[in-house]
């Protein structure tokens, strides 16, 4: 073979340089994000052990968090993640792993994610990142937009009686007697019919900053929970005096009362009904509001196209789904922040 040559001392370096010239997106993440700042929060999920007790030293927690970020970007299972870290130069460089270093296996990745989930660390990481973004003046605070997106999970093949018991908050007796079966049943997810199509899963309720399109708050619920029910949890005192945009799901007396409670300007869509049609003026106003409200769809569109948002979430239970969605929102904010930093020509590192 003509192009075959013996291995040189700097071949690995040359390969990485070529990857960089092809604009490795992971290299950009390391350039703009100070990952070490997350360590203090990640450490809260683990108890320190005495080194003299022996055992294998744990993997670096910041590196393990970056492994979870890789999983979310490329929609990888734990086993596939282990394989690709071993296989890809770009993954190893992003994680700071050399060929001679140990690589976390699938079980280690699963255990690390479970520890973060059990201690509600993803919520704290989201809040910490939001504070860093706010201090960098990337959030414009010129109004908020709220919306929700359905997150589908694999459908459960239950009988009518079993579904009836689940709706009443009960666990079928034969499931209790068979722990292996119960562990494969998602008792938190439920059904929602939208636009004539049935969906099974959860909802990611978000509030974004109008000017920057950064996610500032989020809540995760079963799919059947109406968007308006979560509105009070998405708003806070920092929204006072700002406009709030939302679709017709946030109309009505209850939502109007919540918006007044936080002293916000109501820019939500008006909704007609069978006996009270919208006037031409109201329709015109709705179209005008839609031009602003549509910005939240850009967020969901990015997640759909770039973070594999079209894929099923193959986790069972509200806690695991909420952790996965929380990580998805974190990764979105990281990418959006980097875009804003570059667009504004800012020389900062988050």
C-alpha atoms as a PDB file:
ATOM      1  CA  UNK A   1       0.000   0.000   0.000  1.00  0.00           C
ATOM      2  CA  UNK A   2       1.472   3.308  -1.111  1.00  0.00           C
ATOM      3  CA  UNK A   3       0.078   5.436   1.760  1.00  0.00           C
ATOM      4  CA  UNK A   4       1.138   2.957   4.439  1.00  0.00           C
ATOM      5  CA  UNK A   5       4.026   4.174   6.595  1.00  0.00           C
ATOM      6  CA  UNK A   6       5.601   3.356   9.915  1.00  0.00           C
ATOM      7  CA  UNK A   7       4.240   5.005  13.047  1.00  0.00           C
ATOM      8  CA  UNK A   8       5.980   8.229  14.042  1.00  0.00           C
ATOM      9  CA  UNK A   9       6.505   9.883  17.418  1.00  0.00           C
ATOM     10  CA  UNK A  10       4.156  12.808  16.731  1.00  0.00           C
ATOM     11  CA  UNK A  11       1.449  11.045  14.689  1.00  0.00           C
ATOM     12  CA  UNK A  12      -1.178  11.431  17.438  1.00  0.00           C
ATOM     13  CA  UNK A  13      -0.482  15.156  17.635  1.00  0.00           C
ATOM     14  CA  UNK A  14      -0.733  15.542  13.852  1.00  0.00           C
ATOM     15  CA  UNK A  15      -4.052  13.678  13.844  1.00  0.00           C
ATOM     16  CA  UNK A  16      -5.479  15.983  16.541  1.00  0.00           C
ATOM     17  CA  UNK A  17      -4.282  19.060  14.669  1.00  0.00           C
ATOM     18  CA  UNK A  18      -6.097  17.845  11.570  1.00  0.00           C
ATOM     19  CA  UNK A  19      -9.265  17.288  13.633  1.00  0.00           C
ATOM     20  CA  UNK A  20      -8.947  20.856  14.926  1.00  0.00           C
ATOM     21  CA  UNK A  21      -8.687  22.221  11.384  1.00  0.00           C
ATOM     22  CA  UNK A  22     -11.984  20.481  10.624  1.00  0.00           C
ATOM     23  CA  UNK A  23     -13.558  22.563  13.452  1.00  0.00           C
ATOM     24  CA  UNK A  24     -14.052  20.009  16.210  1.00  0.00           C
ATOM     25  CA  UNK A  25     -17.139  21.268  18.145  1.00  0.00           C
ATOM     26  CA  UNK A  26     -15.884  19.689  21.380  1.00  0.00           C
ATOM     27  CA  UNK A  27     -12.707  21.761  21.251  1.00  0.00           C
ATOM     28  CA  UNK A  28     -14.884  24.882  21.226  1.00  0.00           C
ATOM     29  CA  UNK A  29     -16.646  23.725  24.406  1.00  0.00           C
ATOM     30  CA  UNK A  30     -13.325  23.425  26.225  1.00  0.00           C
ATOM     31  CA  UNK A  31     -12.260  26.829  24.942  1.00  0.00           C
ATOM     32  CA  UNK A  32     -15.304  28.687  26.290  1.00  0.00           C
ATOM     33  CA  UNK A  33     -16.374  26.680  29.361  1.00  0.00           C
ATOM     34  CA  UNK A  34     -14.415  26.530  32.606  1.00  0.00           C
ATOM     35  CA  UNK A  35     -15.473  23.007  33.594  1.00  0.00           C
ATOM     36  CA  UNK A  36     -13.508  23.099  36.830  1.00  0.00           C
ATOM     37  CA  UNK A  37     -16.041  25.576  38.276  1.00  0.00           C
ATOM     38  CA  UNK A  38     -18.632  22.775  38.408  1.00  0.00           C
ATOM     39  CA  UNK A  39     -16.529  20.593  40.711  1.00  0.00           C
ATOM     40  CA  UNK A  40     -17.843  21.916  44.029  1.00  0.00           C
ATOM     41  CA  UNK A  41     -21.430  21.095  43.032  1.00  0.00           C
ATOM     42  CA  UNK A  42     -20.550  17.663  41.638  1.00  0.00           C
ATOM     43  CA  UNK A  43     -18.721  16.793  44.869  1.00  0.00           C
ATOM     44  CA  UNK A  44     -21.957  17.262  46.821  1.00  0.00           C
ATOM     45  CA  UNK A  45     -23.268  13.966  45.428  1.00  0.00           C
ATOM     46  CA  UNK A  46     -20.427  11.929  46.885  1.00  0.00           C
ATOM     47  CA  UNK A  47     -19.072  11.219  50.344  1.00  0.00           C
ATOM     48  CA  UNK A  48     -15.325  11.429  50.775  1.00  0.00           C
ATOM     49  CA  UNK A  49     -13.682   8.115  51.715  1.00  0.00           C
ATOM     50  CA  UNK A  50     -10.451   7.534  53.591  1.00  0.00           C
ATOM     51  CA  UNK A  51      -7.667   6.752  51.061  1.00  0.00           C
ATOM     52  CA  UNK A  52      -6.122   4.233  53.483  1.00  0.00           C
ATOM     53  CA  UNK A  53      -9.180   1.998  53.078  1.00  0.00           C
ATOM     54  CA  UNK A  54      -7.897   0.985  49.640  1.00  0.00           C
ATOM     55  CA  UNK A  55      -9.836   0.304  46.464  1.00  0.00           C
ATOM     56  CA  UNK A  56      -9.505   1.823  43.022  1.00  0.00           C
ATOM     57  CA  UNK A  57      -9.306   5.633  43.037  1.00  0.00           C
ATOM     58  CA  UNK A  58     -12.484   7.215  41.619  1.00  0.00           C
ATOM     59  CA  UNK A  59     -12.495   8.861  38.212  1.00  0.00           C
ATOM     60  CA  UNK A  60     -12.275  12.631  38.185  1.00  0.00           C
ATOM     61  CA  UNK A  61     -15.809  13.969  38.689  1.00  0.00           C
ATOM     62  CA  UNK A  62     -15.490  16.899  36.304  1.00  0.00           C
ATOM     63  CA  UNK A  63     -14.317  14.483  33.613  1.00  0.00           C
ATOM     64  CA  UNK A  64     -17.303  12.215  34.369  1.00  0.00           C
ATOM     65  CA  UNK A  65     -19.672  15.184  34.041  1.00  0.00           C
ATOM     66  CA  UNK A  66     -18.167  15.893  30.629  1.00  0.00           C
ATOM     67  CA  UNK A  67     -18.860  12.243  29.753  1.00  0.00           C
ATOM     68  CA  UNK A  68     -22.562  12.877  30.459  1.00  0.00           C
ATOM     69  CA  UNK A  69     -22.411  15.983  28.270  1.00  0.00           C
ATOM     70  CA  UNK A  70     -21.017  13.834  25.451  1.00  0.00           C
ATOM     71  CA  UNK A  71     -23.862  11.379  25.922  1.00  0.00           C
ATOM     72  CA  UNK A  72     -26.441  14.128  25.597  1.00  0.00           C
ATOM     73  CA  UNK A  73     -24.834  15.721  22.531  1.00  0.00           C
ATOM     74  CA  UNK A  74     -24.521  12.467  20.602  1.00  0.00           C
ATOM     75  CA  UNK A  75     -27.450  10.510  22.137  1.00  0.00           C
ATOM     76  CA  UNK A  76     -25.265   7.650  23.375  1.00  0.00           C
ATOM     77  CA  UNK A  77     -25.996   4.693  25.622  1.00  0.00           C
ATOM     78  CA  UNK A  78     -23.563   3.927  28.437  1.00  0.00           C
ATOM     79  CA  UNK A  79     -21.986   1.031  26.509  1.00  0.00           C
ATOM     80  CA  UNK A  80     -21.674   3.075  23.317  1.00  0.00           C
ATOM     81  CA  UNK A  81     -20.119   5.926  25.284  1.00  0.00           C
ATOM     82  CA  UNK A  82     -17.425   3.644  26.713  1.00  0.00           C
ATOM     83  CA  UNK A  83     -16.637   2.343  23.219  1.00  0.00           C
ATOM     84  CA  UNK A  84     -16.464   5.779  21.568  1.00  0.00           C
ATOM     85  CA  UNK A  85     -14.233   7.251  24.277  1.00  0.00           C
ATOM     86  CA  UNK A  86     -11.793   4.434  23.490  1.00  0.00           C
ATOM     87  CA  UNK A  87     -12.262   4.843  19.751  1.00  0.00           C
ATOM     88  CA  UNK A  88     -12.338   8.609  19.081  1.00  0.00           C
ATOM     89  CA  UNK A  89      -9.439  11.028  19.361  1.00  0.00           C
ATOM     90  CA  UNK A  90     -11.822  13.982  19.712  1.00  0.00           C
ATOM     91  CA  UNK A  91     -13.644  12.404  22.678  1.00  0.00           C
ATOM     92  CA  UNK A  92     -10.388  11.574  24.459  1.00  0.00           C
ATOM     93  CA  UNK A  93      -9.051  15.104  23.954  1.00  0.00           C
ATOM     94  CA  UNK A  94     -12.307  16.654  25.192  1.00  0.00           C
ATOM     95  CA  UNK A  95     -12.129  14.547  28.361  1.00  0.00           C
ATOM     96  CA  UNK A  96      -8.369  14.978  28.848  1.00  0.00           C
ATOM     97  CA  UNK A  97      -7.697  11.244  28.558  1.00  0.00           C
ATOM     98  CA  UNK A  98      -4.465   9.877  27.097  1.00  0.00           C
ATOM     99  CA  UNK A  99      -4.009   6.442  25.522  1.00  0.00           C
ATOM    100  CA  UNK A 100      -2.343   5.205  28.693  1.00  0.00           C
ATOM    101  CA  UNK A 101      -5.221   6.346  30.965  1.00  0.00           C
ATOM    102  CA  UNK A 102      -8.094   4.205  32.228  1.00  0.00           C
ATOM    103  CA  UNK A 103     -11.509   4.832  30.651  1.00  0.00           C
ATOM    104  CA  UNK A 104     -14.745   4.664  32.706  1.00  0.00           C
ATOM    105  CA  UNK A 105     -16.839   1.641  31.794  1.00  0.00           C
ATOM    106  CA  UNK A 106     -20.603   1.613  31.236  1.00  0.00           C
ATOM    107  CA  UNK A 107     -21.409   0.679  34.853  1.00  0.00           C
ATOM    108  CA  UNK A 108     -19.266   3.511  36.198  1.00  0.00           C
ATOM    109  CA  UNK A 109     -21.045   6.014  33.942  1.00  0.00           C
ATOM    110  CA  UNK A 110     -24.444   4.689  35.061  1.00  0.00           C
ATOM    111  CA  UNK A 111     -23.479   4.881  38.746  1.00  0.00           C
ATOM    112  CA  UNK A 112     -22.178   8.454  38.403  1.00  0.00           C
ATOM    113  CA  UNK A 113     -25.389   9.608  36.708  1.00  0.00           C
ATOM    114  CA  UNK A 114     -27.491   7.869  39.369  1.00  0.00           C
ATOM    115  CA  UNK A 115     -25.591   9.625  42.153  1.00  0.00           C
ATOM    116  CA  UNK A 116     -26.219  13.011  40.563  1.00  0.00           C
ATOM    117  CA  UNK A 117     -29.895  12.131  40.130  1.00  0.00           C
ATOM    118  CA  UNK A 118     -30.316  10.939  43.728  1.00  0.00           C
ATOM    119  CA  UNK A 119     -28.903  14.212  45.096  1.00  0.00           C
ATOM    120  CA  UNK A 120     -30.771  16.531  42.662  1.00  0.00           C
ATOM    121  CA  UNK A 121     -27.440  17.786  41.326  1.00  0.00           C
ATOM    122  CA  UNK A 122     -28.702  18.519  37.806  1.00  0.00           C
ATOM    123  CA  UNK A 123     -31.006  21.242  39.169  1.00  0.00           C
ATOM    124  CA  UNK A 124     -28.084  22.832  41.012  1.00  0.00           C
ATOM    125  CA  UNK A 125     -25.859  22.618  37.947  1.00  0.00           C
ATOM    126  CA  UNK A 126     -28.541  24.340  35.868  1.00  0.00           C
ATOM    127  CA  UNK A 127     -28.903  27.137  38.450  1.00  0.00           C
ATOM    128  CA  UNK A 128     -25.133  27.528  38.753  1.00  0.00           C
ATOM    129  CA  UNK A 129     -24.708  27.821  34.983  1.00  0.00           C
ATOM    130  CA  UNK A 130     -27.591  30.301  34.819  1.00  0.00           C
ATOM    131  CA  UNK A 131     -25.837  32.488  37.404  1.00  0.00           C
ATOM    132  CA  UNK A 132     -22.581  32.385  35.415  1.00  0.00           C
ATOM    133  CA  UNK A 133     -24.471  33.331  32.243  1.00  0.00           C
ATOM    134  CA  UNK A 134     -26.269  36.145  34.056  1.00  0.00           C
ATOM    135  CA  UNK A 135     -23.014  37.564  35.459  1.00  0.00           C
ATOM    136  CA  UNK A 136     -21.600  37.534  31.931  1.00  0.00           C
ATOM    137  CA  UNK A 137     -24.532  39.773  30.867  1.00  0.00           C
ATOM    138  CA  UNK A 138     -25.721  37.271  28.278  1.00  0.00           C
ATOM    139  CA  UNK A 139     -29.298  37.331  29.631  1.00  0.00           C
ATOM    140  CA  UNK A 140     -30.966  40.561  28.456  1.00  0.00           C
ATOM    141  CA  UNK A 141     -33.944  40.530  30.868  1.00  0.00           C
ATOM    142  CA  UNK A 142     -36.255  42.144  28.314  1.00  0.00           C
ATOM    143  CA  UNK A 143     -39.149  39.733  28.733  1.00  0.00           C
ATOM    144  CA  UNK A 144     -39.869  36.018  28.970  1.00  0.00           C
ATOM    145  CA  UNK A 145     -41.560  33.371  26.831  1.00  0.00           C
ATOM    146  CA  UNK A 146     -43.077  30.160  28.216  1.00  0.00           C
ATOM    147  CA  UNK A 147     -43.939  26.937  26.438  1.00  0.00           C
ATOM    148  CA  UNK A 148     -43.795  23.167  26.856  1.00  0.00           C
ATOM    149  CA  UNK A 149     -42.663  20.250  24.701  1.00  0.00           C
ATOM    150  CA  UNK A 150     -43.767  16.630  24.921  1.00  0.00           C
ATOM    151  CA  UNK A 151     -40.989  14.141  25.711  1.00  0.00           C
ATOM    152  CA  UNK A 152     -42.011  10.698  24.524  1.00  0.00           C
ATOM    153  CA  UNK A 153     -40.911   7.459  26.170  1.00  0.00           C
ATOM    154  CA  UNK A 154     -41.527   3.861  25.028  1.00  0.00           C
ATOM    155  CA  UNK A 155     -45.216   3.005  25.339  1.00  0.00           C
ATOM    156  CA  UNK A 156     -46.324   0.657  28.107  1.00  0.00           C
ATOM    157  CA  UNK A 157     -48.380  -2.362  27.028  1.00  0.00           C
ATOM    158  CA  UNK A 158     -50.737  -2.502  29.998  1.00  0.00           C
ATOM    159  CA  UNK A 159     -54.231  -3.893  30.298  1.00  0.00           C
ATOM    160  CA  UNK A 160     -57.228  -1.623  30.770  1.00  0.00           C
ATOM    161  CA  UNK A 161     -57.485  -2.613  34.442  1.00  0.00           C
ATOM    162  CA  UNK A 162     -53.781  -1.893  35.012  1.00  0.00           C
ATOM    163  CA  UNK A 163     -54.084   1.523  33.405  1.00  0.00           C
ATOM    164  CA  UNK A 164     -57.123   2.255  35.563  1.00  0.00           C
ATOM    165  CA  UNK A 165     -55.179   1.448  38.727  1.00  0.00           C
ATOM    166  CA  UNK A 166     -52.245   3.591  37.627  1.00  0.00           C
ATOM    167  CA  UNK A 167     -54.576   6.565  37.037  1.00  0.00           C
ATOM    168  CA  UNK A 168     -55.758   6.195  40.630  1.00  0.00           C
ATOM    169  CA  UNK A 169     -52.188   6.185  41.909  1.00  0.00           C
ATOM    170  CA  UNK A 170     -52.157   2.455  42.642  1.00  0.00           C
ATOM    171  CA  UNK A 171     -49.639  -0.222  41.650  1.00  0.00           C
ATOM    172  CA  UNK A 172     -51.162  -3.497  40.313  1.00  0.00           C
ATOM    173  CA  UNK A 173     -50.720  -6.344  42.793  1.00  0.00           C
ATOM    174  CA  UNK A 174     -49.032  -8.725  40.335  1.00  0.00           C
ATOM    175  CA  UNK A 175     -46.425  -6.035  39.609  1.00  0.00           C
ATOM    176  CA  UNK A 176     -45.612  -5.755  43.312  1.00  0.00           C
ATOM    177  CA  UNK A 177     -45.117  -9.529  43.454  1.00  0.00           C
ATOM    178  CA  UNK A 178     -42.740  -9.382  40.490  1.00  0.00           C
ATOM    179  CA  UNK A 179     -40.029  -6.768  41.172  1.00  0.00           C
ATOM    180  CA  UNK A 180     -38.333  -7.442  37.825  1.00  0.00           C
ATOM    181  CA  UNK A 181     -41.533  -6.598  35.967  1.00  0.00           C
ATOM    182  CA  UNK A 182     -42.194  -3.531  38.114  1.00  0.00           C
ATOM    183  CA  UNK A 183     -38.680  -2.206  37.424  1.00  0.00           C
ATOM    184  CA  UNK A 184     -39.515  -2.154  33.697  1.00  0.00           C
ATOM    185  CA  UNK A 185     -42.811  -0.295  34.119  1.00  0.00           C
ATOM    186  CA  UNK A 186     -42.977   3.482  33.968  1.00  0.00           C
ATOM    187  CA  UNK A 187     -45.642   4.340  36.531  1.00  0.00           C
ATOM    188  CA  UNK A 188     -45.034   8.115  36.329  1.00  0.00           C
ATOM    189  CA  UNK A 189     -45.541   8.728  32.596  1.00  0.00           C
ATOM    190  CA  UNK A 190     -49.037   9.085  31.170  1.00  0.00           C
ATOM    191  CA  UNK A 191     -50.966   9.795  27.987  1.00  0.00           C
ATOM    192  CA  UNK A 192     -51.811  13.033  26.221  1.00  0.00           C
ATOM    193  CA  UNK A 193     -53.845  13.535  23.076  1.00  0.00           C
ATOM    194  CA  UNK A 194     -52.701  16.483  20.964  1.00  0.00           C
ATOM    195  CA  UNK A 195     -53.795  17.364  17.431  1.00  0.00           C
ATOM    196  CA  UNK A 196     -55.552  14.022  17.180  1.00  0.00           C
ATOM    197  CA  UNK A 197     -52.417  12.033  18.047  1.00  0.00           C
ATOM    198  CA  UNK A 198     -51.738  10.147  21.278  1.00  0.00           C
ATOM    199  CA  UNK A 199     -48.439  10.711  23.092  1.00  0.00           C
ATOM    200  CA  UNK A 200     -47.024   8.810  26.086  1.00  0.00           C
ATOM    201  CA  UNK A 201     -44.400  10.420  28.269  1.00  0.00           C
ATOM    202  CA  UNK A 202     -43.581  13.702  29.971  1.00  0.00           C
ATOM    203  CA  UNK A 203     -43.340  17.449  29.339  1.00  0.00           C
ATOM    204  CA  UNK A 204     -40.415  19.832  29.469  1.00  0.00           C
ATOM    205  CA  UNK A 205     -41.871  23.199  30.558  1.00  0.00           C
ATOM    206  CA  UNK A 206     -39.424  26.051  29.956  1.00  0.00           C
ATOM    207  CA  UNK A 207     -39.170  29.791  30.332  1.00  0.00           C
ATOM    208  CA  UNK A 208     -36.674  31.548  28.072  1.00  0.00           C
ATOM    209  CA  UNK A 209     -35.261  35.047  28.013  1.00  0.00           C
ATOM    210  CA  UNK A 210     -36.782  36.836  25.025  1.00  0.00           C
ATOM    211  CA  UNK A 211     -33.626  38.587  23.819  1.00  0.00           C
ATOM    212  CA  UNK A 212     -31.051  35.826  24.257  1.00  0.00           C
ATOM    213  CA  UNK A 213     -33.226  32.698  23.909  1.00  0.00           C
ATOM    214  CA  UNK A 214     -31.491  31.213  26.966  1.00  0.00           C
ATOM    215  CA  UNK A 215     -33.515  28.909  29.230  1.00  0.00           C
ATOM    216  CA  UNK A 216     -33.917  30.570  32.628  1.00  0.00           C
ATOM    217  CA  UNK A 217     -36.342  28.132  34.319  1.00  0.00           C
ATOM    218  CA  UNK A 218     -37.723  24.670  33.638  1.00  0.00           C
ATOM    219  CA  UNK A 219     -40.052  22.098  35.164  1.00  0.00           C
ATOM    220  CA  UNK A 220     -40.671  18.453  34.216  1.00  0.00           C
ATOM    221  CA  UNK A 221     -44.104  16.834  34.605  1.00  0.00           C
ATOM    222  CA  UNK A 222     -46.061  13.869  33.241  1.00  0.00           C
ATOM    223  CA  UNK A 223     -47.468  14.594  29.779  1.00  0.00           C
ATOM    224  CA  UNK A 224     -51.088  15.003  30.930  1.00  0.00           C
ATOM    225  CA  UNK A 225     -50.281  18.024  33.131  1.00  0.00           C
ATOM    226  CA  UNK A 226     -51.603  21.130  31.379  1.00  0.00           C
ATOM    227  CA  UNK A 227     -49.068  23.815  30.476  1.00  0.00           C
ATOM    228  CA  UNK A 228     -50.839  26.447  32.571  1.00  0.00           C
ATOM    229  CA  UNK A 229     -50.549  24.402  35.787  1.00  0.00           C
ATOM    230  CA  UNK A 230     -46.778  24.942  35.879  1.00  0.00           C
ATOM    231  CA  UNK A 231     -46.812  28.675  35.109  1.00  0.00           C
ATOM    232  CA  UNK A 232     -46.517  29.715  38.766  1.00  0.00           C
ATOM    233  CA  UNK A 233     -43.404  27.515  39.161  1.00  0.00           C
ATOM    234  CA  UNK A 234     -41.704  29.066  36.125  1.00  0.00           C
ATOM    235  CA  UNK A 235     -42.126  32.706  37.190  1.00  0.00           C
ATOM    236  CA  UNK A 236     -40.384  34.500  40.055  1.00  0.00           C
ATOM    237  CA  UNK A 237     -39.743  37.961  41.487  1.00  0.00           C
ATOM    238  CA  UNK A 238     -37.019  38.718  38.927  1.00  0.00           C
ATOM    239  CA  UNK A 239     -39.725  38.824  36.219  1.00  0.00           C
ATOM    240  CA  UNK A 240     -41.428  41.859  37.743  1.00  0.00           C
ATOM    241  CA  UNK A 241     -42.282  44.575  35.226  1.00  0.00           C
ATOM    242  CA  UNK A 242     -41.347  42.498  32.169  1.00  0.00           C
ATOM    243  CA  UNK A 243     -43.701  41.212  29.447  1.00  0.00           C
ATOM    244  CA  UNK A 244     -44.633  37.542  29.275  1.00  0.00           C
ATOM    245  CA  UNK A 245     -45.454  35.827  25.986  1.00  0.00           C
ATOM    246  CA  UNK A 246     -47.194  32.477  25.698  1.00  0.00           C
ATOM    247  CA  UNK A 247     -49.610  30.599  23.467  1.00  0.00           C
ATOM    248  CA  UNK A 248     -53.319  30.134  24.172  1.00  0.00           C
ATOM    249  CA  UNK A 249     -52.567  27.399  26.738  1.00  0.00           C
ATOM    250  CA  UNK A 250     -51.681  30.213  29.160  1.00  0.00           C
ATOM    251  CA  UNK A 251     -54.900  32.180  28.732  1.00  0.00           C
ATOM    252  CA  UNK A 252     -57.744  32.303  31.237  1.00  0.00           C
ATOM    253  CA  UNK A 253     -58.479  33.799  34.640  1.00  0.00           C
ATOM    254  CA  UNK A 254     -56.070  31.601  36.605  1.00  0.00           C
ATOM    255  CA  UNK A 255     -53.045  32.407  34.447  1.00  0.00           C
ATOM    256  CA  UNK A 256     -53.952  36.100  34.315  1.00  0.00           C
ATOM    257  CA  UNK A 257     -54.002  36.133  38.116  1.00  0.00           C
ATOM    258  CA  UNK A 258     -50.547  34.512  38.300  1.00  0.00           C
ATOM    259  CA  UNK A 259     -49.126  37.011  35.794  1.00  0.00           C
ATOM    260  CA  UNK A 260     -50.551  39.914  37.854  1.00  0.00           C
ATOM    261  CA  UNK A 261     -49.078  38.327  40.999  1.00  0.00           C
ATOM    262  CA  UNK A 262     -45.597  38.771  39.542  1.00  0.00           C
ATOM    263  CA  UNK A 263     -46.506  42.223  38.141  1.00  0.00           C
ATOM    264  CA  UNK A 264     -45.766  41.191  34.568  1.00  0.00           C
ATOM    265  CA  UNK A 265     -47.251  42.541  31.344  1.00  0.00           C
ATOM    266  CA  UNK A 266     -49.595  39.925  29.879  1.00  0.00           C
ATOM    267  CA  UNK A 267     -48.734  39.193  26.238  1.00  0.00           C
ATOM    268  CA  UNK A 268     -50.269  35.706  26.073  1.00  0.00           C
ATOM    269  CA  UNK A 269     -52.559  34.728  23.204  1.00  0.00           C
ATOM    270  CA  UNK A 270     -56.307  35.170  23.450  1.00  0.00           C
ATOM    271  CA  UNK A 271     -58.354  32.034  22.987  1.00  0.00           C
ATOM    272  CA  UNK A 272     -61.775  31.820  21.425  1.00  0.00           C
ATOM    273  CA  UNK A 273     -64.421  29.189  22.041  1.00  0.00           C
ATOM    274  CA  UNK A 274     -67.550  27.828  20.402  1.00  0.00           C
ATOM    275  CA  UNK A 275     -69.833  30.539  21.723  1.00  0.00           C
ATOM    276  CA  UNK A 276     -67.386  33.432  21.831  1.00  0.00           C
ATOM    277  CA  UNK A 277     -65.284  33.810  18.705  1.00  0.00           C
ATOM    278  CA  UNK A 278     -62.205  36.004  18.570  1.00  0.00           C
ATOM    279  CA  UNK A 279     -62.690  39.426  17.066  1.00  0.00           C
ATOM    280  CA  UNK A 280     -60.620  40.556  14.107  1.00  0.00           C
ATOM    281  CA  UNK A 281     -58.658  42.837  16.412  1.00  0.00           C
ATOM    282  CA  UNK A 282     -57.857  39.932  18.774  1.00  0.00           C
ATOM    283  CA  UNK A 283     -56.748  37.795  15.838  1.00  0.00           C
ATOM    284  CA  UNK A 284     -54.491  40.593  14.641  1.00  0.00           C
ATOM    285  CA  UNK A 285     -52.993  40.945  18.120  1.00  0.00           C
ATOM    286  CA  UNK A 286     -52.401  37.188  18.323  1.00  0.00           C
ATOM    287  CA  UNK A 287     -50.506  37.274  15.020  1.00  0.00           C
ATOM    288  CA  UNK A 288     -48.404  40.149  16.317  1.00  0.00           C
ATOM    289  CA  UNK A 289     -47.616  38.266  19.532  1.00  0.00           C
ATOM    290  CA  UNK A 290     -46.758  35.127  17.549  1.00  0.00           C
ATOM    291  CA  UNK A 291     -43.794  36.875  15.936  1.00  0.00           C
ATOM    292  CA  UNK A 292     -42.244  37.140  19.403  1.00  0.00           C
ATOM    293  CA  UNK A 293     -43.566  33.913  20.916  1.00  0.00           C
ATOM    294  CA  UNK A 294     -42.135  31.897  18.010  1.00  0.00           C
ATOM    295  CA  UNK A 295     -38.638  32.437  19.428  1.00  0.00           C
ATOM    296  CA  UNK A 296     -39.256  29.650  21.943  1.00  0.00           C
ATOM    297  CA  UNK A 297     -39.779  27.256  19.030  1.00  0.00           C
ATOM    298  CA  UNK A 298     -36.195  28.004  17.963  1.00  0.00           C
ATOM    299  CA  UNK A 299     -35.053  26.513  21.272  1.00  0.00           C
ATOM    300  CA  UNK A 300     -37.031  23.311  20.756  1.00  0.00           C
ATOM    301  CA  UNK A 301     -35.866  23.237  17.135  1.00  0.00           C
ATOM    302  CA  UNK A 302     -32.201  23.335  18.179  1.00  0.00           C
ATOM    303  CA  UNK A 303     -32.768  20.536  20.683  1.00  0.00           C
ATOM    304  CA  UNK A 304     -34.623  18.525  18.040  1.00  0.00           C
ATOM    305  CA  UNK A 305     -31.929  18.863  15.388  1.00  0.00           C
ATOM    306  CA  UNK A 306     -28.683  19.131  17.358  1.00  0.00           C
ATOM    307  CA  UNK A 307     -29.314  17.313  20.653  1.00  0.00           C
ATOM    308  CA  UNK A 308     -31.313  14.395  19.287  1.00  0.00           C
ATOM    309  CA  UNK A 309     -34.530  15.782  20.719  1.00  0.00           C
ATOM    310  CA  UNK A 310     -36.506  13.620  18.293  1.00  0.00           C
ATOM    311  CA  UNK A 311     -35.331  10.439  20.014  1.00  0.00           C
ATOM    312  CA  UNK A 312     -37.107   8.534  22.746  1.00  0.00           C
ATOM    313  CA  UNK A 313     -35.886   9.061  26.282  1.00  0.00           C
ATOM    314  CA  UNK A 314     -35.195   5.488  27.328  1.00  0.00           C
ATOM    315  CA  UNK A 315     -35.296   6.068  31.069  1.00  0.00           C
ATOM    316  CA  UNK A 316     -37.985   4.901  33.470  1.00  0.00           C
ATOM    317  CA  UNK A 317     -39.487   7.174  36.121  1.00  0.00           C
ATOM    318  CA  UNK A 318     -39.955  10.899  36.608  1.00  0.00           C
ATOM    319  CA  UNK A 319     -36.678  11.367  38.523  1.00  0.00           C
ATOM    320  CA  UNK A 320     -34.504   9.905  35.772  1.00  0.00           C
ATOM    321  CA  UNK A 321     -36.399  11.693  33.005  1.00  0.00           C
ATOM    322  CA  UNK A 322     -36.179  15.003  34.894  1.00  0.00           C
ATOM    323  CA  UNK A 323     -32.415  14.527  35.295  1.00  0.00           C
ATOM    324  CA  UNK A 324     -31.994  13.779  31.593  1.00  0.00           C
ATOM    325  CA  UNK A 325     -34.107  16.781  30.561  1.00  0.00           C
ATOM    326  CA  UNK A 326     -32.231  18.961  33.041  1.00  0.00           C
ATOM    327  CA  UNK A 327     -28.936  17.920  31.445  1.00  0.00           C
ATOM    328  CA  UNK A 328     -30.415  18.611  28.000  1.00  0.00           C
ATOM    329  CA  UNK A 329     -31.364  22.142  29.091  1.00  0.00           C
ATOM    330  CA  UNK A 330     -27.865  22.656  30.520  1.00  0.00           C
ATOM    331  CA  UNK A 331     -26.210  21.555  27.280  1.00  0.00           C
ATOM    332  CA  UNK A 332     -28.529  23.798  25.246  1.00  0.00           C
ATOM    333  CA  UNK A 333     -27.613  26.813  27.402  1.00  0.00           C
ATOM    334  CA  UNK A 334     -23.904  26.020  26.963  1.00  0.00           C
ATOM    335  CA  UNK A 335     -24.189  25.963  23.168  1.00  0.00           C
ATOM    336  CA  UNK A 336     -26.406  29.058  23.078  1.00  0.00           C
ATOM    337  CA  UNK A 337     -24.058  30.974  25.378  1.00  0.00           C
ATOM    338  CA  UNK A 338     -21.061  30.156  23.178  1.00  0.00           C
ATOM    339  CA  UNK A 339     -22.996  31.350  20.126  1.00  0.00           C
ATOM    340  CA  UNK A 340     -23.823  34.651  21.863  1.00  0.00           C
ATOM    341  CA  UNK A 341     -20.232  35.140  23.038  1.00  0.00           C
ATOM    342  CA  UNK A 342     -18.905  34.686  19.504  1.00  0.00           C
ATOM    343  CA  UNK A 343     -21.673  36.782  17.922  1.00  0.00           C
ATOM    344  CA  UNK A 344     -20.919  39.695  20.259  1.00  0.00           C
ATOM    345  CA  UNK A 345     -17.141  39.340  19.970  1.00  0.00           C
ATOM    346  CA  UNK A 346     -16.752  38.888  23.722  1.00  0.00           C
ATOM    347  CA  UNK A 347     -13.456  37.598  25.133  1.00  0.00           C
ATOM    348  CA  UNK A 348     -14.806  35.723  28.161  1.00  0.00           C
ATOM    349  CA  UNK A 349     -14.886  32.160  29.441  1.00  0.00           C
ATOM    350  CA  UNK A 350     -17.889  30.898  31.371  1.00  0.00           C
END
